[in-house]
Structures are given as C-alpha cells and as structure tokens.
Amino acid sequence: MFRNALRTAARPSAFRQLARSYATEAGPARLRVSFVSPHQTILDKFEATQVNLSSTEGDMGILAEHVPTIAQLKSGAIEVFSATEKPQKFFVSGGFAIINPDSTLNINAVEAFPLEDLDLDAARRALDDANRRATSGGSEQDKLIAKVEVEVYEAVVAAISK
C-alpha cells in the first residue's frame, strides 16, 4: 500500500534514477586499481583488465563499469590482470574491496603478500600445527586463535595450490 502511494506521489523520472544498472561489455573504460595494506601501497591507480577476488559473498570477477559494490574480503588470492603484463597474484588475509561507479577499485587489505613469496611446505606445516592446537587441551582463547590460523593457512594452501 505504501509503495503504491509512493509511486503515485513520485515523478516517473525518479524511478529511472533508482534503477539498478549492470556492467556493459568492456569498451573504452578502464579499471583503475589501488591496492593497499596498512604499511604499503601495492598498486596505485594500476590499469587492469580484470581483477578476481574472494569475498564473503563469493568469488568475484571485476571488470570496468562493474556494478558499484562494497565487498568484505575473505582470506584468499587476488588476481590482477592487465593487457600488457603477466597476471599479478597476491594473498590477502582479509579486508575490503570498494568498486566505484567511475571504474575504480580500491582494495584495502589487512595483510597482503605476493603469492610467489609464500612457501607451500611451510604453510602446510603451519596448518598442521594450528590444527593440533585447535583440538588440544589448551585454553578456549588459544583454541579460538588456532581456529582462525587454521582458516588462514587453509586459504594459503588453497591459493598456492591453484
């Protein structure tokens, strides 16, 4: 009932402005990526063709003219593709990605490392240790910390193994 009253009172042009729009085929627009962690700038207005990342809502592939979105990052890989360079891959432990209407993408990560800098064997050993501590007879706080470590190390192993 309220919706019908609102539709009657509003001008038709108001609803056109509220309509959700979707990305169109990539044309002249460019995706500009700024990627930072608390202690460093990883990419600054980097021109990318596509960025793949994992959010709490699922995996996302971001192109120019993407629907504006704010996404909470989960532990996992971020892949940045460009037309002129080989893909850059990073591991992030969490953070946020903000996709703006002007085809800029701001990634704010808690921690970020180039994927090639991570050691698969070391990550597996750390995962085994965290699993042991998560199921041991330690304090509840120690178990919770170990469970968080398990999630992160599982994501590291998965990212490196791809």
N, C-alpha and C. Protein backbone atom coordinates (compact mmCIF):
# COMPACT_ATOMS: atom_id res chain seq x y z
N MET A 1 0.82 -1.17 0.00
CA MET A 1 0.00 0.00 0.00
C MET A 1 0.88 1.26 0.00
N PHE A 2 1.89 1.27 0.88
CA PHE A 2 2.80 2.41 0.93
C PHE A 2 3.51 2.57 -0.40
N ARG A 3 3.92 1.46 -1.01
CA ARG A 3 4.62 1.52 -2.29
C ARG A 3 3.74 2.15 -3.36
N ASN A 4 2.46 1.80 -3.40
CA ASN A 4 1.55 2.39 -4.39
C ASN A 4 1.41 3.89 -4.17
N ALA A 5 1.32 4.31 -2.92
CA ALA A 5 1.21 5.74 -2.62
C ALA A 5 2.48 6.47 -3.05
N LEU A 6 3.64 5.85 -2.81
CA LEU A 6 4.90 6.45 -3.19
C LEU A 6 4.99 6.56 -4.71
N ARG A 7 4.60 5.51 -5.42
CA ARG A 7 4.63 5.55 -6.88
C ARG A 7 3.72 6.66 -7.43
N THR A 8 2.57 6.86 -6.81
CA THR A 8 1.64 7.89 -7.26
C THR A 8 2.22 9.28 -7.01
N ALA A 9 2.89 9.45 -5.87
CA ALA A 9 3.41 10.76 -5.50
C ALA A 9 4.71 11.10 -6.22
N ALA A 10 5.48 10.11 -6.60
CA ALA A 10 6.80 10.36 -7.20
C ALA A 10 6.69 10.61 -8.69
N ARG A 11 7.61 11.39 -9.19
CA ARG A 11 7.68 11.61 -10.63
C ARG A 11 8.25 10.36 -11.29
N PRO A 12 7.85 10.03 -12.50
CA PRO A 12 8.38 8.86 -13.18
C PRO A 12 9.90 8.90 -13.35
N SER A 13 10.48 10.08 -13.50
CA SER A 13 11.93 10.17 -13.68
C SER A 13 12.68 9.75 -12.42
N ALA A 14 12.06 9.86 -11.25
CA ALA A 14 12.73 9.47 -10.01
C ALA A 14 13.02 7.97 -10.00
N PHE A 15 12.11 7.17 -10.55
CA PHE A 15 12.33 5.72 -10.56
C PHE A 15 13.38 5.32 -11.58
N ARG A 16 13.49 6.04 -12.66
CA ARG A 16 14.54 5.73 -13.63
C ARG A 16 15.91 5.93 -13.00
N GLN A 17 16.06 6.93 -12.15
CA GLN A 17 17.33 7.19 -11.50
C GLN A 17 17.67 6.12 -10.48
N LEU A 18 16.68 5.47 -9.90
CA LEU A 18 16.91 4.44 -8.90
C LEU A 18 17.13 3.07 -9.51
N ALA A 19 16.92 2.93 -10.79
CA ALA A 19 17.05 1.62 -11.43
C ALA A 19 18.49 1.12 -11.34
N ARG A 20 18.65 -0.15 -11.05
CA ARG A 20 19.97 -0.76 -10.96
C ARG A 20 20.51 -0.97 -12.36
N SER A 21 21.76 -0.64 -12.55
CA SER A 21 22.37 -0.85 -13.86
C SER A 21 23.46 -1.90 -13.76
N TYR A 22 23.78 -2.53 -14.85
CA TYR A 22 24.75 -3.60 -14.90
C TYR A 22 25.92 -3.20 -15.78
N ALA A 23 27.03 -3.91 -15.60
CA ALA A 23 28.20 -3.65 -16.41
C ALA A 23 27.89 -3.96 -17.87
N THR A 24 28.45 -3.17 -18.75
CA THR A 24 28.29 -3.43 -20.17
C THR A 24 29.58 -4.06 -20.67
N GLU A 25 29.60 -4.44 -21.93
CA GLU A 25 30.82 -5.00 -22.48
C GLU A 25 31.95 -4.00 -22.30
N ALA A 26 33.12 -4.54 -21.98
CA ALA A 26 34.27 -3.67 -21.73
C ALA A 26 34.60 -2.90 -23.00
N GLY A 27 34.53 -1.63 -22.93
CA GLY A 27 34.83 -0.77 -24.07
C GLY A 27 36.00 0.11 -23.73
N PRO A 28 35.86 1.39 -23.99
CA PRO A 28 36.97 2.29 -23.73
C PRO A 28 37.24 2.51 -22.25
N ALA A 29 36.29 2.19 -21.39
CA ALA A 29 36.50 2.40 -19.96
C ALA A 29 37.60 1.48 -19.45
N ARG A 30 38.37 1.96 -18.48
CA ARG A 30 39.46 1.19 -17.89
C ARG A 30 39.20 0.99 -16.41
N LEU A 31 39.63 -0.12 -15.91
CA LEU A 31 39.54 -0.41 -14.49
C LEU A 31 40.84 0.05 -13.85
N ARG A 32 40.74 1.00 -12.95
CA ARG A 32 41.94 1.50 -12.26
C ARG A 32 41.92 0.95 -10.83
N VAL A 33 43.01 0.28 -10.47
CA VAL A 33 43.08 -0.44 -9.20
C VAL A 33 44.08 0.23 -8.26
N SER A 34 43.62 0.53 -7.07
CA SER A 34 44.50 0.96 -5.97
C SER A 34 44.39 -0.11 -4.90
N PHE A 35 45.52 -0.67 -4.51
CA PHE A 35 45.57 -1.83 -3.61
C PHE A 35 46.57 -1.50 -2.51
N VAL A 36 46.08 -1.42 -1.27
CA VAL A 36 46.94 -1.04 -0.15
C VAL A 36 46.75 -1.97 1.04
N SER A 37 47.80 -2.04 1.86
CA SER A 37 47.73 -2.64 3.18
C SER A 37 48.14 -1.54 4.15
N PRO A 38 48.04 -1.76 5.44
CA PRO A 38 48.36 -0.67 6.38
C PRO A 38 49.78 -0.10 6.24
N HIS A 39 50.71 -0.90 5.73
CA HIS A 39 52.10 -0.46 5.71
C HIS A 39 52.68 -0.22 4.33
N GLN A 40 51.87 -0.47 3.28
CA GLN A 40 52.42 -0.26 1.95
C GLN A 40 51.34 -0.09 0.90
N THR A 41 51.72 0.58 -0.17
CA THR A 41 50.87 0.67 -1.35
C THR A 41 51.37 -0.39 -2.32
N ILE A 42 50.50 -1.31 -2.69
CA ILE A 42 50.89 -2.41 -3.57
C ILE A 42 50.68 -2.01 -5.03
N LEU A 43 49.54 -1.44 -5.34
CA LEU A 43 49.23 -0.92 -6.67
C LEU A 43 48.61 0.46 -6.50
N ASP A 44 49.03 1.39 -7.33
CA ASP A 44 48.49 2.74 -7.25
C ASP A 44 47.93 3.15 -8.61
N LYS A 45 46.61 3.16 -8.72
CA LYS A 45 45.91 3.51 -9.96
C LYS A 45 46.42 2.68 -11.14
N PHE A 46 46.62 1.39 -10.88
CA PHE A 46 47.09 0.45 -11.89
C PHE A 46 45.97 0.16 -12.88
N GLU A 47 46.26 0.22 -14.16
CA GLU A 47 45.25 -0.04 -15.18
C GLU A 47 45.16 -1.55 -15.42
N ALA A 48 44.02 -2.13 -15.03
CA ALA A 48 43.81 -3.57 -15.13
C ALA A 48 42.67 -3.86 -16.10
N THR A 49 42.70 -5.06 -16.66
CA THR A 49 41.59 -5.50 -17.50
C THR A 49 40.57 -6.26 -16.66
N GLN A 50 41.05 -6.93 -15.58
CA GLN A 50 40.16 -7.70 -14.72
C GLN A 50 40.85 -7.95 -13.39
N VAL A 51 40.06 -8.04 -12.32
CA VAL A 51 40.54 -8.41 -11.01
C VAL A 51 39.62 -9.50 -10.47
N ASN A 52 40.21 -10.60 -10.02
CA ASN A 52 39.45 -11.68 -9.39
C ASN A 52 39.77 -11.68 -7.90
N LEU A 53 38.74 -11.80 -7.07
CA LEU A 53 38.95 -11.84 -5.63
C LEU A 53 37.87 -12.67 -4.96
N SER A 54 38.15 -13.04 -3.71
CA SER A 54 37.19 -13.82 -2.92
C SER A 54 36.61 -12.93 -1.84
N SER A 55 35.29 -12.85 -1.82
CA SER A 55 34.61 -12.07 -0.78
C SER A 55 33.76 -13.01 0.06
N THR A 56 33.24 -12.47 1.13
CA THR A 56 32.38 -13.29 1.99
C THR A 56 31.09 -13.68 1.27
N GLU A 57 30.75 -12.97 0.19
CA GLU A 57 29.56 -13.29 -0.60
C GLU A 57 29.85 -14.24 -1.75
N GLY A 58 31.13 -14.54 -1.97
CA GLY A 58 31.52 -15.45 -3.06
C GLY A 58 32.64 -14.85 -3.88
N ASP A 59 33.09 -15.60 -4.88
CA ASP A 59 34.17 -15.14 -5.75
C ASP A 59 33.63 -14.11 -6.73
N MET A 60 34.46 -13.11 -7.03
CA MET A 60 34.05 -12.03 -7.92
C MET A 60 35.09 -11.82 -9.01
N GLY A 61 34.63 -11.58 -10.23
CA GLY A 61 35.47 -11.14 -11.32
C GLY A 61 35.05 -9.72 -11.65
N ILE A 62 35.96 -8.77 -11.53
CA ILE A 62 35.61 -7.36 -11.66
C ILE A 62 36.21 -6.81 -12.94
N LEU A 63 35.37 -6.19 -13.75
CA LEU A 63 35.77 -5.53 -15.00
C LEU A 63 35.44 -4.05 -14.88
N ALA A 64 35.88 -3.27 -15.84
CA ALA A 64 35.49 -1.86 -15.90
C ALA A 64 33.97 -1.77 -15.98
N GLU A 65 33.42 -0.72 -15.43
CA GLU A 65 31.98 -0.47 -15.42
C GLU A 65 31.19 -1.51 -14.63
N HIS A 66 31.84 -2.13 -13.65
CA HIS A 66 31.18 -3.10 -12.77
C HIS A 66 30.15 -2.37 -11.91
N VAL A 67 29.16 -3.07 -11.47
CA VAL A 67 28.16 -2.51 -10.57
C VAL A 67 28.87 -2.04 -9.30
N PRO A 68 28.63 -0.81 -8.85
CA PRO A 68 29.26 -0.35 -7.61
C PRO A 68 28.93 -1.29 -6.45
N THR A 69 29.96 -1.66 -5.70
CA THR A 69 29.81 -2.66 -4.65
C THR A 69 30.84 -2.41 -3.56
N ILE A 70 30.49 -2.79 -2.34
CA ILE A 70 31.45 -2.89 -1.26
C ILE A 70 31.44 -4.34 -0.83
N ALA A 71 32.61 -4.97 -0.85
CA ALA A 71 32.71 -6.39 -0.53
C ALA A 71 33.74 -6.63 0.57
N GLN A 72 33.37 -7.43 1.54
CA GLN A 72 34.33 -7.83 2.57
C GLN A 72 35.15 -8.98 2.02
N LEU A 73 36.47 -8.83 2.05
CA LEU A 73 37.36 -9.86 1.53
C LEU A 73 37.52 -10.97 2.55
N LYS A 74 37.59 -12.19 2.06
CA LYS A 74 37.95 -13.29 2.94
C LYS A 74 39.37 -13.71 2.58
N SER A 75 39.98 -14.50 3.41
CA SER A 75 41.34 -14.96 3.15
C SER A 75 41.37 -15.69 1.81
N GLY A 76 42.30 -15.28 0.95
CA GLY A 76 42.40 -15.92 -0.35
C GLY A 76 43.23 -15.10 -1.32
N ALA A 77 43.21 -15.55 -2.55
CA ALA A 77 44.03 -14.93 -3.59
C ALA A 77 43.28 -13.80 -4.28
N ILE A 78 44.05 -12.79 -4.67
CA ILE A 78 43.57 -11.72 -5.54
C ILE A 78 44.43 -11.78 -6.78
N GLU A 79 43.78 -11.85 -7.94
CA GLU A 79 44.49 -11.88 -9.22
C GLU A 79 44.20 -10.59 -9.96
N VAL A 80 45.26 -9.94 -10.45
CA VAL A 80 45.12 -8.69 -11.18
C VAL A 80 45.68 -8.91 -12.58
N PHE A 81 44.82 -8.75 -13.58
CA PHE A 81 45.20 -8.96 -14.97
C PHE A 81 45.32 -7.62 -15.68
N SER A 82 46.31 -7.52 -16.56
CA SER A 82 46.42 -6.33 -17.39
C SER A 82 46.67 -6.78 -18.82
N ALA A 83 46.51 -5.85 -19.75
CA ALA A 83 46.68 -6.16 -21.17
C ALA A 83 48.15 -6.33 -21.53
N THR A 84 49.05 -5.76 -20.74
CA THR A 84 50.46 -5.74 -21.13
C THR A 84 51.39 -6.57 -20.25
N GLU A 85 50.94 -6.98 -19.08
CA GLU A 85 51.81 -7.70 -18.15
C GLU A 85 51.21 -9.05 -17.80
N LYS A 86 52.06 -9.94 -17.25
CA LYS A 86 51.53 -11.22 -16.77
C LYS A 86 50.68 -10.96 -15.52
N PRO A 87 49.74 -11.84 -15.21
CA PRO A 87 48.88 -11.62 -14.05
C PRO A 87 49.69 -11.52 -12.75
N GLN A 88 49.26 -10.63 -11.89
CA GLN A 88 49.87 -10.49 -10.57
C GLN A 88 48.94 -11.16 -9.57
N LYS A 89 49.52 -12.00 -8.71
CA LYS A 89 48.72 -12.73 -7.73
C LYS A 89 49.21 -12.41 -6.33
N PHE A 90 48.23 -12.15 -5.44
CA PHE A 90 48.53 -11.79 -4.07
C PHE A 90 47.66 -12.63 -3.15
N PHE A 91 48.15 -12.85 -1.93
CA PHE A 91 47.34 -13.47 -0.89
C PHE A 91 46.98 -12.38 0.11
N VAL A 92 45.69 -12.31 0.46
CA VAL A 92 45.24 -11.37 1.48
C VAL A 92 44.56 -12.16 2.60
N SER A 93 44.73 -11.66 3.81
CA SER A 93 44.11 -12.34 4.95
C SER A 93 42.71 -11.80 5.24
N GLY A 94 42.35 -10.70 4.61
CA GLY A 94 41.03 -10.09 4.80
C GLY A 94 41.10 -8.63 4.41
N GLY A 95 39.97 -7.95 4.50
CA GLY A 95 39.92 -6.53 4.16
C GLY A 95 38.62 -6.20 3.43
N PHE A 96 38.69 -5.14 2.61
CA PHE A 96 37.51 -4.70 1.87
C PHE A 96 37.90 -4.31 0.45
N ALA A 97 36.97 -4.51 -0.48
CA ALA A 97 37.11 -4.04 -1.85
C ALA A 97 35.93 -3.12 -2.12
N ILE A 98 36.24 -1.95 -2.66
CA ILE A 98 35.20 -0.97 -2.97
C ILE A 98 35.25 -0.69 -4.46
N ILE A 99 34.17 -1.04 -5.15
CA ILE A 99 34.06 -0.81 -6.59
C ILE A 99 33.21 0.44 -6.77
N ASN A 100 33.81 1.44 -7.38
CA ASN A 100 33.16 2.74 -7.54
C ASN A 100 32.52 2.87 -8.92
N PRO A 101 31.54 3.78 -9.07
CA PRO A 101 30.87 3.97 -10.36
C PRO A 101 31.80 4.46 -11.47
N ASP A 102 32.95 5.04 -11.13
CA ASP A 102 33.87 5.56 -12.14
C ASP A 102 34.91 4.52 -12.58
N SER A 103 34.62 3.24 -12.37
CA SER A 103 35.52 2.13 -12.74
C SER A 103 36.85 2.17 -12.01
N THR A 104 36.81 2.60 -10.74
CA THR A 104 37.99 2.47 -9.89
C THR A 104 37.67 1.41 -8.84
N LEU A 105 38.70 0.66 -8.49
CA LEU A 105 38.59 -0.40 -7.49
C LEU A 105 39.62 -0.11 -6.42
N ASN A 106 39.16 0.04 -5.18
CA ASN A 106 40.05 0.25 -4.05
C ASN A 106 40.03 -1.01 -3.20
N ILE A 107 41.20 -1.62 -3.04
CA ILE A 107 41.33 -2.81 -2.21
C ILE A 107 42.13 -2.43 -0.99
N ASN A 108 41.54 -2.61 0.18
CA ASN A 108 42.20 -2.33 1.45
C ASN A 108 42.34 -3.66 2.18
N ALA A 109 43.56 -4.17 2.26
CA ALA A 109 43.81 -5.48 2.84
C ALA A 109 44.45 -5.34 4.21
N VAL A 110 44.10 -6.26 5.10
CA VAL A 110 44.73 -6.31 6.42
C VAL A 110 46.20 -6.68 6.26
N GLU A 111 46.46 -7.72 5.49
CA GLU A 111 47.81 -8.16 5.14
C GLU A 111 47.76 -8.62 3.69
N ALA A 112 48.84 -8.40 2.96
CA ALA A 112 48.90 -8.84 1.56
C ALA A 112 50.33 -9.20 1.21
N PHE A 113 50.47 -10.32 0.50
CA PHE A 113 51.79 -10.80 0.09
C PHE A 113 51.71 -11.32 -1.34
N PRO A 114 52.74 -11.09 -2.14
CA PRO A 114 52.77 -11.73 -3.46
C PRO A 114 52.72 -13.25 -3.27
N LEU A 115 51.90 -13.91 -4.06
CA LEU A 115 51.72 -15.35 -3.90
C LEU A 115 53.03 -16.11 -4.07
N GLU A 116 53.89 -15.61 -4.95
CA GLU A 116 55.16 -16.31 -5.19
C GLU A 116 56.10 -16.24 -3.99
N ASP A 117 55.85 -15.34 -3.03
CA ASP A 117 56.68 -15.24 -1.83
C ASP A 117 56.29 -16.24 -0.75
N LEU A 118 55.19 -16.95 -0.93
CA LEU A 118 54.70 -17.88 0.08
C LEU A 118 55.20 -19.30 -0.22
N ASP A 119 55.54 -20.02 0.83
CA ASP A 119 56.09 -21.38 0.73
C ASP A 119 54.99 -22.39 1.07
N LEU A 120 54.67 -23.25 0.12
CA LEU A 120 53.61 -24.24 0.31
C LEU A 120 53.93 -25.20 1.45
N ASP A 121 55.16 -25.70 1.52
CA ASP A 121 55.52 -26.64 2.59
C ASP A 121 55.43 -25.98 3.97
N ALA A 122 55.90 -24.75 4.07
CA ALA A 122 55.81 -24.03 5.35
C ALA A 122 54.36 -23.80 5.73
N ALA A 123 53.51 -23.47 4.76
CA ALA A 123 52.09 -23.25 5.04
C ALA A 123 51.43 -24.55 5.50
N ARG A 124 51.79 -25.67 4.90
CA ARG A 124 51.23 -26.97 5.33
C ARG A 124 51.67 -27.32 6.75
N ARG A 125 52.94 -27.07 7.07
CA ARG A 125 53.43 -27.34 8.44
C ARG A 125 52.70 -26.45 9.44
N ALA A 126 52.53 -25.17 9.11
CA ALA A 126 51.83 -24.25 9.99
C ALA A 126 50.36 -24.66 10.16
N LEU A 127 49.75 -25.15 9.08
CA LEU A 127 48.37 -25.63 9.15
C LEU A 127 48.26 -26.83 10.08
N ASP A 128 49.19 -27.78 9.97
CA ASP A 128 49.18 -28.94 10.85
C ASP A 128 49.32 -28.52 12.31
N ASP A 129 50.22 -27.57 12.57
CA ASP A 129 50.44 -27.08 13.94
C ASP A 129 49.19 -26.39 14.47
N ALA A 130 48.56 -25.55 13.64
CA ALA A 130 47.35 -24.85 14.06
C ALA A 130 46.21 -25.83 14.33
N ASN A 131 46.08 -26.85 13.48
CA ASN A 131 45.05 -27.88 13.71
C ASN A 131 45.28 -28.60 15.03
N ARG A 132 46.53 -28.91 15.34
CA ARG A 132 46.87 -29.58 16.59
C ARG A 132 46.48 -28.71 17.79
N ARG A 133 46.82 -27.42 17.72
CA ARG A 133 46.50 -26.51 18.82
C ARG A 133 44.99 -26.26 18.94
N ALA A 134 44.28 -26.28 17.81
CA ALA A 134 42.83 -26.05 17.85
C ALA A 134 42.09 -27.20 18.53
N THR A 135 42.66 -28.38 18.52
CA THR A 135 41.99 -29.55 19.11
C THR A 135 42.65 -30.00 20.41
N SER A 136 43.66 -29.27 20.87
CA SER A 136 44.37 -29.67 22.09
C SER A 136 43.59 -29.23 23.33
N GLY A 137 44.16 -29.50 24.46
CA GLY A 137 43.52 -29.17 25.73
C GLY A 137 43.86 -27.79 26.23
N GLY A 138 44.26 -26.87 25.37
CA GLY A 138 44.60 -25.51 25.79
C GLY A 138 43.38 -24.71 26.20
N SER A 139 43.60 -23.45 26.51
CA SER A 139 42.50 -22.57 26.91
C SER A 139 41.58 -22.30 25.71
N GLU A 140 40.39 -21.82 26.01
CA GLU A 140 39.43 -21.50 24.94
C GLU A 140 39.97 -20.41 24.02
N GLN A 141 40.66 -19.44 24.60
CA GLN A 141 41.22 -18.36 23.79
C GLN A 141 42.29 -18.91 22.85
N ASP A 142 43.14 -19.81 23.34
CA ASP A 142 44.17 -20.42 22.49
C ASP A 142 43.53 -21.23 21.36
N LYS A 143 42.46 -21.94 21.66
CA LYS A 143 41.77 -22.72 20.65
C LYS A 143 41.15 -21.82 19.58
N LEU A 144 40.55 -20.70 20.00
CA LEU A 144 39.95 -19.77 19.04
C LEU A 144 41.01 -19.15 18.14
N ILE A 145 42.13 -18.76 18.70
CA ILE A 145 43.22 -18.21 17.91
C ILE A 145 43.70 -19.24 16.90
N ALA A 146 43.85 -20.48 17.34
CA ALA A 146 44.30 -21.56 16.46
C ALA A 146 43.29 -21.81 15.34
N LYS A 147 42.00 -21.71 15.63
CA LYS A 147 40.98 -21.91 14.60
C LYS A 147 41.05 -20.84 13.52
N VAL A 148 41.32 -19.60 13.93
CA VAL A 148 41.49 -18.52 12.95
C VAL A 148 42.72 -18.82 12.09
N GLU A 149 43.79 -19.25 12.72
CA GLU A 149 45.01 -19.61 11.98
C GLU A 149 44.73 -20.74 11.00
N VAL A 150 43.93 -21.72 11.40
CA VAL A 150 43.58 -22.83 10.51
C VAL A 150 42.89 -22.29 9.26
N GLU A 151 41.93 -21.39 9.43
CA GLU A 151 41.22 -20.82 8.28
C GLU A 151 42.18 -20.10 7.33
N VAL A 152 43.09 -19.32 7.90
CA VAL A 152 44.02 -18.57 7.06
C VAL A 152 44.98 -19.51 6.35
N TYR A 153 45.56 -20.48 7.09
CA TYR A 153 46.52 -21.40 6.45
C TYR A 153 45.84 -22.29 5.41
N GLU A 154 44.59 -22.67 5.63
CA GLU A 154 43.86 -23.42 4.60
C GLU A 154 43.71 -22.58 3.33
N ALA A 155 43.43 -21.31 3.51
CA ALA A 155 43.30 -20.41 2.36
C ALA A 155 44.65 -20.21 1.67
N VAL A 156 45.75 -20.13 2.43
CA VAL A 156 47.07 -20.00 1.84
C VAL A 156 47.39 -21.24 1.00
N VAL A 157 47.17 -22.42 1.56
CA VAL A 157 47.45 -23.67 0.85
C VAL A 157 46.60 -23.76 -0.41
N ALA A 158 45.33 -23.41 -0.32
CA ALA A 158 44.45 -23.44 -1.49
C ALA A 158 44.91 -22.45 -2.57
N ALA A 159 45.31 -21.25 -2.16
CA ALA A 159 45.74 -20.23 -3.12
C ALA A 159 47.01 -20.64 -3.83
N ILE A 160 47.97 -21.19 -3.09
CA ILE A 160 49.24 -21.60 -3.70
C ILE A 160 49.04 -22.82 -4.59
N SER A 161 48.15 -23.70 -4.22
CA SER A 161 47.94 -24.96 -4.95
C SER A 161 47.22 -24.78 -6.28
N LYS A 162 46.58 -23.63 -6.50
CA LYS A 162 45.84 -23.40 -7.76
C LYS A 162 46.77 -23.36 -8.94
